[in-house]
Amino acid sequence: MRTAPVLPRSIFRIFSCLGGFSLLTVVGFPSFVKASDKHLIRVLVLESPAIRIRADQKKIFVRGDGIDKRIVRGLNLRLINGQIKVKFDGDVPRWNSLGSDSSLIASTNEARGIWLGKRRYRGELRIKLKGRNLQVVNHIGIEEYLYSVVGSEMPKSWPLEALKAQAVAARTYALKKISKHNDFDIKSTESSQVYLGIESETVTTKNAVNKTRGLIMTYEGKPIEAVFHSSSGGRTEASVNVWKKHLPYLISVKDFDHQSPNYRWNVSFNKDQLLSVFPEVGNFKNIRLLNVSPTKRILIAKVQGDDGDLLLNGRELRTRLGLKSTLVSFEKNNRDVINNKIVKKSTLSSVDKQQYAHIPFNSRAKSHSYREEDRKPVGLDLEFPPVQSPPPAPFALPPSPLGNGFVLLASGSGSGHGVGMSQWGARGFADSGASFRRILYHYYKNIKIRHY
């Protein structure tokens, strides 16, 4: 377990280290954080040797070490021979040098934000030298940050209650990451949670964030590790089987993600591809699953070849083969046999359809206000909408110039690590009238939903 997150300094303290808030007021630099956004988060949005920043109007406020405070339309920064070079729009064609320890801060009061390359951001962009790149960190109020995260992580067309569940999970995840250490709190990629700037904000994502403003999930008074994934393939995974860390609120539960396009999937590999993926074993022979979790996800596998064996954990095997999840089985056979099997697996089996035709639920939970019954286990008295099978898997393998040689077929389910909330499952719940609280109580056990 991590310790409780350390909340960042207020905006006034941040500005004081740059010469005092009164100075900024005199030069007219904006305060970009709303009074209601008491918490800032630092998001790593770009690392590159060259960057371009601009605004739609001449309203970029620039300050930092080694430069005079000024208002510009745009600027370019480059890393040349270990030095930061900056050129402002409208200046004579020359580059100003900044020290290697220098930093530059850009902000705007324009509603359209600051352009960084092809994306726009609210808040401040702070640029400094980091290794062989310029590091750009977006300092932004956490609620405004979530406007984009919800739209980046979940389609805006999905039901509002699913979007609200995503907002609470993303807010909890972000607050858990905030620290006074390091250069940033969180990344903008899938390694943390996806953040694509203003382009991903919509009316519905803002509505989902605003209607859950300040709500997080806690366990024993502390924010939880609110991890989530796309779909589990029918049942989520316990944290201990993925990260070897048992968290009592991240246990395996039944999932209702049958509408996910990745609910069932197939991918195949020929001899040459396998030789490239597993060069250590030489000519590929087989993959043996030595240990699987209770949900059948791979924990340890042995790759066998002419030159020896290779032991890999599930995550390593998934990465090497580029699989959607570790809930996968393998079969080696000739191309014609594999083609026939793919055709048979291209739609949900009759067992799957019978299992998911009616998803158990409590009809009284359709209310979007909090009820104690939201905490109860899933009941047996409500039917979900009829199941629509996901798109079929590829119906046949492409012809091989090597003839009808052997093929390794990977047949899998779900997408992602499988721990915590399933986004497609959240949609399934919301489609049936569940509140965001009911969704969260299903996927995260023994937690409380409260204001931070």
Protein backbone atom coordinates (compact mmCIF):
# COMPACT_ATOMS: atom_id res chain seq x y z
CA MET A 1 0.00 0.00 0.00
CA ARG A 2 1.17 3.49 -0.72
CA THR A 3 0.96 6.28 1.80
CA ALA A 4 -1.75 8.89 1.48
CA PRO A 5 -1.03 11.28 -1.41
CA VAL A 6 0.70 14.55 -0.62
CA LEU A 7 -1.36 17.38 -2.07
CA PRO A 8 0.50 19.96 -4.16
CA ARG A 9 1.18 23.50 -3.08
CA SER A 10 -1.45 26.14 -3.76
CA ILE A 11 -1.17 28.28 -6.83
CA PHE A 12 -0.07 31.22 -4.71
CA ARG A 13 2.92 29.35 -3.31
CA ILE A 14 3.90 28.20 -6.78
CA PHE A 15 3.83 31.77 -8.02
CA SER A 16 5.66 33.10 -4.96
CA CYS A 17 8.81 31.20 -5.90
CA LEU A 18 8.80 33.17 -9.17
CA GLY A 19 8.89 36.55 -7.48
CA GLY A 20 5.59 36.89 -5.74
CA PHE A 21 1.94 36.99 -6.74
CA SER A 22 1.89 40.79 -6.64
CA LEU A 23 4.48 40.92 -9.44
CA LEU A 24 2.38 38.66 -11.63
CA THR A 25 -0.63 40.83 -10.98
CA VAL A 26 1.30 43.91 -12.09
CA VAL A 27 2.43 42.37 -15.38
CA GLY A 28 -1.04 40.96 -16.00
CA PHE A 29 -0.22 37.25 -15.99
CA PRO A 30 -3.34 35.14 -15.49
CA SER A 31 -4.26 32.82 -12.69
CA PHE A 32 -5.34 29.78 -14.70
CA VAL A 33 -6.86 27.66 -11.92
CA LYS A 34 -10.44 28.12 -10.82
CA ALA A 35 -11.06 28.78 -7.15
CA SER A 36 -12.88 25.46 -6.93
CA ASP A 37 -9.86 23.55 -8.27
CA LYS A 38 -7.85 23.32 -5.06
CA HIS A 39 -5.64 20.57 -6.37
CA LEU A 40 -3.20 20.75 -9.24
CA ILE A 41 -1.82 17.81 -11.12
CA ARG A 42 1.37 17.79 -13.20
CA VAL A 43 0.94 15.82 -16.42
CA LEU A 44 3.86 14.86 -18.65
CA VAL A 45 2.53 15.57 -22.14
CA LEU A 46 5.63 15.61 -24.37
CA GLU A 47 9.33 14.88 -24.53
CA SER A 48 11.01 16.07 -27.71
CA PRO A 49 14.15 17.91 -28.88
CA ALA A 50 12.00 20.53 -30.63
CA ILE A 51 8.56 21.93 -29.79
CA ARG A 52 6.18 24.58 -31.09
CA ILE A 53 3.77 26.53 -28.85
CA ARG A 54 1.19 28.99 -30.11
CA ALA A 55 -2.18 30.59 -29.39
CA ASP A 56 -5.04 31.56 -31.67
CA GLN A 57 -4.50 35.15 -30.56
CA LYS A 58 -1.51 37.01 -29.16
CA LYS A 59 -2.13 35.82 -25.59
CA ILE A 60 0.63 33.47 -24.52
CA PHE A 61 2.18 34.72 -21.30
CA VAL A 62 5.79 33.59 -21.06
CA ARG A 63 8.11 33.78 -18.09
CA GLY A 64 11.06 31.83 -16.80
CA ASP A 65 14.75 31.83 -16.09
CA GLY A 66 16.93 33.91 -18.39
CA ILE A 67 14.11 35.64 -20.31
CA ASP A 68 12.01 38.73 -19.79
CA LYS A 69 8.31 38.29 -19.10
CA ARG A 70 6.41 38.90 -22.29
CA ILE A 71 3.19 38.24 -24.21
CA VAL A 72 3.56 36.53 -27.59
CA ARG A 73 1.56 34.77 -30.29
CA GLY A 74 3.85 31.76 -30.40
CA LEU A 75 7.35 30.44 -29.84
CA ASN A 76 9.68 27.65 -30.86
CA LEU A 77 12.09 25.81 -28.60
CA ARG A 78 14.94 23.55 -29.63
CA LEU A 79 17.64 21.62 -27.90
CA ILE A 80 20.94 22.39 -29.62
CA ASN A 81 24.27 21.16 -28.27
CA GLY A 82 22.79 20.64 -24.84
CA GLN A 83 21.33 24.16 -24.66
CA ILE A 84 17.72 25.29 -24.80
CA LYS A 85 17.19 27.75 -27.66
CA VAL A 86 14.02 29.82 -27.87
CA LYS A 87 12.67 32.05 -30.63
CA PHE A 88 9.53 34.15 -30.27
CA ASP A 89 7.17 34.90 -33.16
CA GLY A 90 7.79 38.37 -34.55
CA ASP A 91 11.38 38.57 -33.40
CA VAL A 92 14.28 38.91 -35.78
CA PRO A 93 15.40 35.44 -36.91
CA ARG A 94 17.64 34.63 -34.02
CA TRP A 95 17.58 32.16 -31.19
CA ASN A 96 17.96 33.14 -27.53
CA SER A 97 19.93 30.77 -25.32
CA LEU A 98 18.69 29.55 -21.97
CA GLY A 99 20.86 27.84 -19.38
CA SER A 100 20.75 24.09 -19.00
CA ASP A 101 19.03 24.53 -15.62
CA SER A 102 16.56 27.06 -16.98
CA SER A 103 12.83 26.55 -17.32
CA LEU A 104 10.11 28.33 -19.26
CA ILE A 105 6.47 28.68 -18.32
CA ALA A 106 3.71 29.40 -20.86
CA SER A 107 0.10 30.13 -19.97
CA THR A 108 -2.94 31.80 -21.52
CA ASN A 109 -6.34 33.14 -20.56
CA GLU A 110 -7.85 32.08 -23.89
CA ALA A 111 -10.68 29.58 -23.66
CA ARG A 112 -9.15 27.66 -26.57
CA GLY A 113 -6.01 27.00 -24.55
CA ILE A 114 -2.41 26.71 -25.74
CA TRP A 115 -1.44 24.80 -28.85
CA LEU A 116 1.40 22.35 -28.32
CA GLY A 117 1.96 20.83 -31.72
CA LYS A 118 -1.47 19.57 -32.83
CA ARG A 119 -3.09 19.50 -29.38
CA ARG A 120 -4.44 22.21 -27.10
CA TYR A 121 -4.09 22.35 -23.34
CA ARG A 122 -5.51 24.32 -20.45
CA GLY A 123 -3.43 25.50 -17.52
CA GLU A 124 0.31 26.06 -17.74
CA LEU A 125 2.94 24.37 -19.87
CA ARG A 126 6.30 24.14 -18.11
CA ILE A 127 9.31 23.31 -20.25
CA LYS A 128 12.76 22.32 -19.09
CA LEU A 129 15.72 20.24 -20.17
CA LYS A 130 15.52 16.56 -19.29
CA GLY A 131 18.23 14.32 -20.66
CA ARG A 132 18.35 14.70 -24.42
CA ASN A 133 14.87 16.17 -24.72
CA LEU A 134 12.75 19.12 -23.77
CA GLN A 135 10.22 17.97 -21.20
CA VAL A 136 6.77 19.59 -21.28
CA VAL A 137 4.63 19.22 -18.16
CA ASN A 138 1.06 20.53 -18.04
CA HIS A 139 0.12 22.02 -14.63
CA ILE A 140 -3.68 21.99 -14.47
CA GLY A 141 -6.54 21.82 -12.00
CA ILE A 142 -7.56 18.21 -11.51
CA GLU A 143 -11.22 18.71 -12.47
CA GLU A 144 -10.29 20.38 -15.76
CA TYR A 145 -7.77 17.61 -16.34
CA LEU A 146 -10.59 15.10 -15.99
CA TYR A 147 -12.68 16.83 -18.68
CA SER A 148 -10.16 15.46 -21.16
CA VAL A 149 -9.32 12.15 -19.47
CA VAL A 150 -12.93 10.94 -19.45
CA GLY A 151 -13.26 11.77 -23.14
CA SER A 152 -9.88 10.19 -23.91
CA GLU A 153 -10.63 6.97 -22.04
CA MET A 154 -14.29 6.42 -22.93
CA PRO A 155 -16.46 7.29 -25.99
CA LYS A 156 -18.54 10.43 -25.40
CA SER A 157 -21.61 8.64 -26.82
CA TRP A 158 -21.70 6.13 -23.96
CA PRO A 159 -24.33 6.44 -21.19
CA LEU A 160 -23.77 9.24 -18.68
CA GLU A 161 -23.60 6.87 -15.71
CA ALA A 162 -20.71 4.97 -17.33
CA LEU A 163 -18.93 8.28 -17.98
CA LYS A 164 -19.52 9.30 -14.35
CA ALA A 165 -18.05 6.01 -13.12
CA GLN A 166 -15.03 6.67 -15.35
CA ALA A 167 -14.71 10.18 -13.91
CA VAL A 168 -14.64 8.94 -10.31
CA ALA A 169 -12.16 6.17 -11.14
CA ALA A 170 -9.90 8.55 -13.08
CA ARG A 171 -10.04 11.19 -10.32
CA THR A 172 -9.15 8.61 -7.68
CA TYR A 173 -6.31 7.24 -9.80
CA ALA A 174 -4.92 10.74 -10.39
CA LEU A 175 -5.07 11.82 -6.75
CA LYS A 176 -3.23 8.66 -5.77
CA LYS A 177 -0.41 9.71 -8.10
CA ILE A 178 0.03 13.27 -6.81
CA SER A 179 3.33 13.78 -5.05
CA LYS A 180 5.64 16.65 -4.20
CA HIS A 181 8.52 14.64 -5.63
CA ASN A 182 9.70 14.03 -9.22
CA ASP A 183 9.19 16.29 -12.22
CA PHE A 184 5.59 15.24 -12.83
CA ASP A 185 2.77 13.30 -11.19
CA ILE A 186 1.35 11.33 -14.07
CA LYS A 187 1.89 10.56 -17.74
CA SER A 188 -0.60 11.31 -20.52
CA THR A 189 -0.40 7.84 -22.08
CA GLU A 190 -1.91 4.42 -21.42
CA SER A 191 0.90 3.71 -18.96
CA SER A 192 -1.06 6.02 -16.62
CA GLN A 193 -4.35 7.18 -18.09
CA VAL A 194 -4.88 8.77 -21.47
CA TYR A 195 -5.00 12.59 -21.55
CA LEU A 196 -5.30 14.25 -24.97
CA GLY A 197 -5.97 17.87 -24.04
CA ILE A 198 -8.93 20.04 -24.95
CA GLU A 199 -9.68 18.08 -28.14
CA SER A 200 -11.10 15.24 -26.02
CA GLU A 201 -13.44 17.45 -23.99
CA THR A 202 -17.14 17.33 -24.82
CA VAL A 203 -20.35 18.52 -23.21
CA THR A 204 -21.05 14.99 -21.94
CA THR A 205 -17.58 14.44 -20.47
CA LYS A 206 -17.73 17.80 -18.69
CA ASN A 207 -21.17 16.91 -17.40
CA ALA A 208 -19.90 13.58 -16.05
CA VAL A 209 -17.01 15.30 -14.25
CA ASN A 210 -19.12 18.14 -12.87
CA LYS A 211 -21.85 15.83 -11.57
CA THR A 212 -19.24 13.82 -9.64
CA ARG A 213 -17.00 16.77 -8.71
CA GLY A 214 -14.64 15.89 -5.88
CA LEU A 215 -15.83 12.28 -5.51
CA ILE A 216 -13.20 9.56 -5.07
CA MET A 217 -13.10 5.97 -3.84
CA THR A 218 -11.37 5.21 -0.56
CA TYR A 219 -10.41 2.14 1.44
CA GLU A 220 -9.66 2.62 5.13
CA GLY A 221 -9.69 6.36 4.58
CA LYS A 222 -7.15 6.47 1.73
CA PRO A 223 -7.64 6.77 -2.05
CA ILE A 224 -7.55 3.37 -3.69
CA GLU A 225 -5.53 2.16 -6.66
CA ALA A 226 -8.44 2.78 -9.02
CA VAL A 227 -7.13 0.83 -12.00
CA PHE A 228 -9.40 0.06 -14.93
CA HIS A 229 -9.21 -1.65 -18.31
CA SER A 230 -11.16 -2.02 -21.53
CA SER A 231 -12.77 -5.45 -21.09
CA SER A 232 -12.05 -8.62 -19.14
CA GLY A 233 -13.62 -11.28 -21.32
CA GLY A 234 -16.25 -12.28 -18.77
CA ARG A 235 -14.49 -12.01 -15.41
CA THR A 236 -12.07 -9.49 -13.96
CA GLU A 237 -8.77 -10.48 -12.36
CA ALA A 238 -7.51 -10.08 -8.78
CA SER A 239 -4.60 -7.67 -8.36
CA VAL A 240 -2.44 -10.33 -6.69
CA ASN A 241 -2.36 -12.36 -9.91
CA VAL A 242 -1.15 -9.44 -12.02
CA TRP A 243 1.09 -7.34 -9.77
CA LYS A 244 1.72 -9.79 -6.88
CA LYS A 245 0.12 -7.28 -4.54
CA HIS A 246 -3.12 -8.27 -2.83
CA LEU A 247 -5.51 -5.35 -2.52
CA PRO A 248 -8.79 -6.35 -0.86
CA TYR A 249 -10.83 -4.05 -3.09
CA LEU A 250 -9.35 -5.44 -6.32
CA ILE A 251 -10.68 -8.97 -6.43
CA SER A 252 -12.11 -11.03 -9.27
CA VAL A 253 -15.77 -10.35 -10.11
CA LYS A 254 -18.10 -11.31 -12.93
CA ASP A 255 -17.98 -8.90 -15.83
CA PHE A 256 -20.68 -7.96 -18.32
CA ASP A 257 -18.50 -6.84 -21.22
CA HIS A 258 -20.04 -9.09 -23.86
CA GLN A 259 -20.61 -6.15 -26.23
CA SER A 260 -16.90 -5.42 -26.43
CA PRO A 261 -15.38 -6.00 -29.88
CA ASN A 262 -12.53 -7.72 -28.02
CA TYR A 263 -14.74 -10.03 -26.00
CA ARG A 264 -13.39 -12.88 -28.15
CA TRP A 265 -10.46 -12.56 -30.54
CA ASN A 266 -7.99 -14.62 -32.55
CA VAL A 267 -4.52 -13.89 -33.86
CA SER A 268 -2.14 -16.22 -35.69
CA PHE A 269 1.63 -16.48 -36.12
CA ASN A 270 3.63 -18.33 -38.76
CA LYS A 271 7.02 -19.96 -38.36
CA ASP A 272 9.05 -16.92 -39.41
CA GLN A 273 7.13 -14.59 -37.09
CA LEU A 274 7.70 -16.90 -34.13
CA LEU A 275 11.41 -17.13 -34.88
CA SER A 276 11.57 -13.34 -34.78
CA VAL A 277 9.56 -13.11 -31.54
CA PHE A 278 11.45 -15.88 -29.71
CA PRO A 279 14.99 -15.88 -31.17
CA GLU A 280 16.37 -17.51 -28.01
CA VAL A 281 14.69 -20.84 -28.71
CA GLY A 282 15.49 -21.19 -32.40
CA ASN A 283 12.83 -22.99 -34.43
CA PHE A 284 9.57 -22.82 -32.50
CA LYS A 285 7.99 -26.02 -31.21
CA ASN A 286 5.23 -25.13 -28.75
CA ILE A 287 3.99 -22.96 -25.87
CA ARG A 288 3.12 -24.74 -22.63
CA LEU A 289 1.10 -22.95 -19.94
CA LEU A 290 2.71 -23.87 -16.62
CA ASN A 291 0.57 -21.74 -14.33
CA VAL A 292 -2.68 -19.86 -14.82
CA SER A 293 -4.82 -17.77 -12.48
CA PRO A 294 -8.31 -18.85 -11.33
CA THR A 295 -9.71 -16.87 -14.29
CA LYS A 296 -7.38 -18.79 -16.67
CA ARG A 297 -5.02 -15.87 -17.34
CA ILE A 298 -1.46 -16.90 -18.02
CA LEU A 299 0.92 -16.51 -15.09
CA ILE A 300 3.89 -18.57 -16.31
CA ALA A 301 4.47 -20.07 -19.76
CA LYS A 302 7.28 -22.08 -21.35
CA VAL A 303 8.20 -21.42 -24.96
CA GLN A 304 9.84 -24.50 -26.43
CA GLY A 305 12.19 -24.61 -29.40
CA ASP A 306 15.01 -26.57 -31.02
CA ASP A 307 17.64 -24.54 -29.12
CA GLY A 308 16.02 -24.78 -25.68
CA ASP A 309 13.18 -23.42 -23.58
CA LEU A 310 12.25 -19.91 -22.46
CA LEU A 311 10.23 -19.14 -19.32
CA LEU A 312 8.07 -16.00 -19.48
CA ASN A 313 5.43 -14.56 -17.20
CA GLY A 314 2.07 -13.63 -18.67
CA ARG A 315 2.89 -9.96 -19.11
CA GLU A 316 6.14 -10.73 -20.92
CA LEU A 317 4.45 -13.23 -23.23
CA ARG A 318 1.66 -10.78 -24.00
CA THR A 319 4.18 -8.04 -24.83
CA ARG A 320 6.28 -10.21 -27.10
CA LEU A 321 3.32 -11.48 -29.11
CA GLY A 322 1.39 -8.19 -29.01
CA LEU A 323 -1.69 -9.84 -27.50
CA LYS A 324 -4.70 -7.93 -26.22
CA SER A 325 -4.67 -9.75 -22.86
CA THR A 326 -3.20 -12.73 -21.03
CA LEU A 327 -6.54 -14.56 -21.07
CA VAL A 328 -5.48 -16.65 -24.03
CA SER A 329 -4.88 -20.23 -25.14
CA PHE A 330 -2.65 -21.54 -27.94
CA GLU A 331 -2.96 -24.22 -30.57
CA LYS A 332 -0.37 -25.26 -33.16
CA ASN A 333 -1.67 -26.87 -36.33
CA ASN A 334 -1.56 -26.64 -40.12
CA ARG A 335 -3.10 -23.64 -41.86
CA ASP A 336 -6.28 -25.32 -43.13
CA VAL A 337 -7.18 -26.72 -39.71
CA ILE A 338 -6.60 -23.33 -38.06
CA ASN A 339 -8.75 -21.60 -40.70
CA ASN A 340 -11.65 -23.93 -39.91
CA LYS A 341 -11.30 -23.29 -36.20
CA ILE A 342 -11.31 -19.51 -36.69
CA VAL A 343 -14.56 -19.75 -38.65
CA LYS A 344 -16.18 -21.66 -35.79
CA LYS A 345 -14.94 -19.13 -33.22
CA SER A 346 -15.99 -16.06 -35.19
CA THR A 347 -19.21 -15.59 -33.19
CA LEU A 348 -20.18 -16.14 -29.59
CA SER A 349 -20.84 -19.76 -28.69
CA SER A 350 -24.32 -20.87 -27.68
CA VAL A 351 -23.04 -21.21 -24.14
CA ASP A 352 -21.87 -17.57 -24.16
CA LYS A 353 -25.19 -16.39 -25.53
CA GLN A 354 -27.16 -18.30 -22.91
CA GLN A 355 -24.90 -17.05 -20.12
CA TYR A 356 -25.17 -13.38 -21.09
CA ALA A 357 -28.69 -13.19 -22.48
CA HIS A 358 -29.84 -11.97 -19.08
CA ILE A 359 -27.45 -10.21 -16.75
CA PRO A 360 -28.58 -10.30 -13.11
CA PHE A 361 -29.26 -6.93 -11.59
CA ASN A 362 -31.53 -5.13 -9.13
CA SER A 363 -34.11 -3.04 -10.94
CA ARG A 364 -34.48 -0.61 -8.04
CA ALA A 365 -30.92 0.56 -8.66
CA LYS A 366 -32.08 2.47 -11.74
CA SER A 367 -32.25 5.52 -9.52
CA HIS A 368 -29.15 7.64 -10.01
CA SER A 369 -29.17 8.86 -6.43
CA TYR A 370 -27.33 6.95 -3.74
CA ARG A 371 -29.12 4.02 -2.14
CA GLU A 372 -27.73 1.51 0.32
CA GLU A 373 -28.83 -1.22 -2.09
CA ASP A 374 -26.14 0.00 -4.49
CA ARG A 375 -23.66 -1.78 -2.22
CA LYS A 376 -25.46 -5.11 -2.35
CA PRO A 377 -24.19 -8.00 -4.48
CA VAL A 378 -25.72 -8.29 -7.90
CA GLY A 379 -29.18 -9.78 -7.56
CA LEU A 380 -31.20 -12.02 -9.87
CA ASP A 381 -34.24 -9.97 -10.75
CA LEU A 382 -33.49 -7.79 -13.77
CA GLU A 383 -32.79 -8.61 -17.39
CA PHE A 384 -30.24 -6.71 -19.43
CA PRO A 385 -31.00 -5.89 -23.08
CA PRO A 386 -30.61 -8.80 -25.51
CA VAL A 387 -27.02 -9.60 -26.26
CA GLN A 388 -25.53 -8.39 -29.52
CA SER A 389 -22.59 -10.49 -30.52
CA PRO A 390 -19.34 -8.62 -31.14
CA PRO A 391 -17.94 -8.40 -34.67
CA PRO A 392 -16.66 -11.77 -35.87
CA ALA A 393 -12.97 -12.57 -35.80
CA PRO A 394 -11.09 -12.73 -39.13
CA PHE A 395 -12.66 -15.55 -41.15
CA ALA A 396 -9.43 -16.85 -42.69
CA LEU A 397 -5.68 -16.56 -42.61
CA PRO A 398 -3.93 -14.93 -45.56
CA PRO A 399 -2.21 -17.26 -48.02
CA SER A 400 1.32 -18.24 -47.09
CA PRO A 401 4.13 -18.23 -49.69
CA LEU A 402 5.56 -21.19 -47.78
CA GLY A 403 2.49 -23.30 -48.46
CA ASN A 404 0.32 -25.00 -45.85
CA GLY A 405 2.88 -24.90 -43.03
CA PHE A 406 2.11 -24.87 -39.32
CA VAL A 407 0.44 -21.88 -37.67
CA LEU A 408 0.17 -20.96 -34.00
CA LEU A 409 -3.35 -19.78 -33.19
CA ALA A 410 -3.84 -17.57 -30.12
CA SER A 411 -7.50 -17.50 -29.02
CA GLY A 412 -8.11 -14.86 -26.40
CA SER A 413 -10.69 -12.83 -24.50
CA GLY A 414 -10.82 -9.24 -23.31
CA SER A 415 -8.40 -6.35 -23.64
CA GLY A 416 -6.08 -5.01 -20.94
CA HIS A 417 -4.79 -6.32 -17.61
CA GLY A 418 -8.28 -7.24 -16.43
CA VAL A 419 -8.04 -5.67 -12.95
CA GLY A 420 -10.57 -3.21 -11.55
CA MET A 421 -13.38 -1.64 -13.54
CA SER A 422 -14.08 -2.98 -17.00
CA GLN A 423 -15.07 -0.05 -19.20
CA TRP A 424 -17.24 -2.18 -21.48
CA GLY A 425 -18.75 -3.76 -18.39
CA ALA A 426 -19.52 -0.30 -17.01
CA ARG A 427 -21.32 0.46 -20.24
CA GLY A 428 -23.30 -2.76 -19.92
CA PHE A 429 -24.39 -1.81 -16.40
CA ALA A 430 -25.28 1.75 -17.43
CA ASP A 431 -27.31 0.52 -20.41
CA SER A 432 -29.43 -1.40 -17.92
CA GLY A 433 -30.10 1.62 -15.73
CA ALA A 434 -27.38 1.25 -13.08
CA SER A 435 -26.06 4.32 -11.31
CA PHE A 436 -22.36 5.14 -11.38
CA ARG A 437 -22.20 4.22 -7.69
CA ARG A 438 -23.63 0.77 -8.37
CA ILE A 439 -21.08 0.27 -11.13
CA LEU A 440 -18.17 1.24 -8.90
CA TYR A 441 -19.36 -0.85 -5.94
CA HIS A 442 -19.47 -3.87 -8.23
CA TYR A 443 -15.93 -3.59 -9.54
CA TYR A 444 -14.23 -2.22 -6.40
CA LYS A 445 -15.17 -4.08 -3.22
CA ASN A 446 -15.38 -2.76 0.35
CA ILE A 447 -14.77 0.84 -0.73
CA LYS A 448 -16.44 4.12 0.15
CA ILE A 449 -17.32 6.89 -2.27
CA ARG A 450 -16.66 10.25 -0.67
CA HIS A 451 -15.45 13.77 -1.37
CA TYR A 452 -11.72 14.27 -1.14
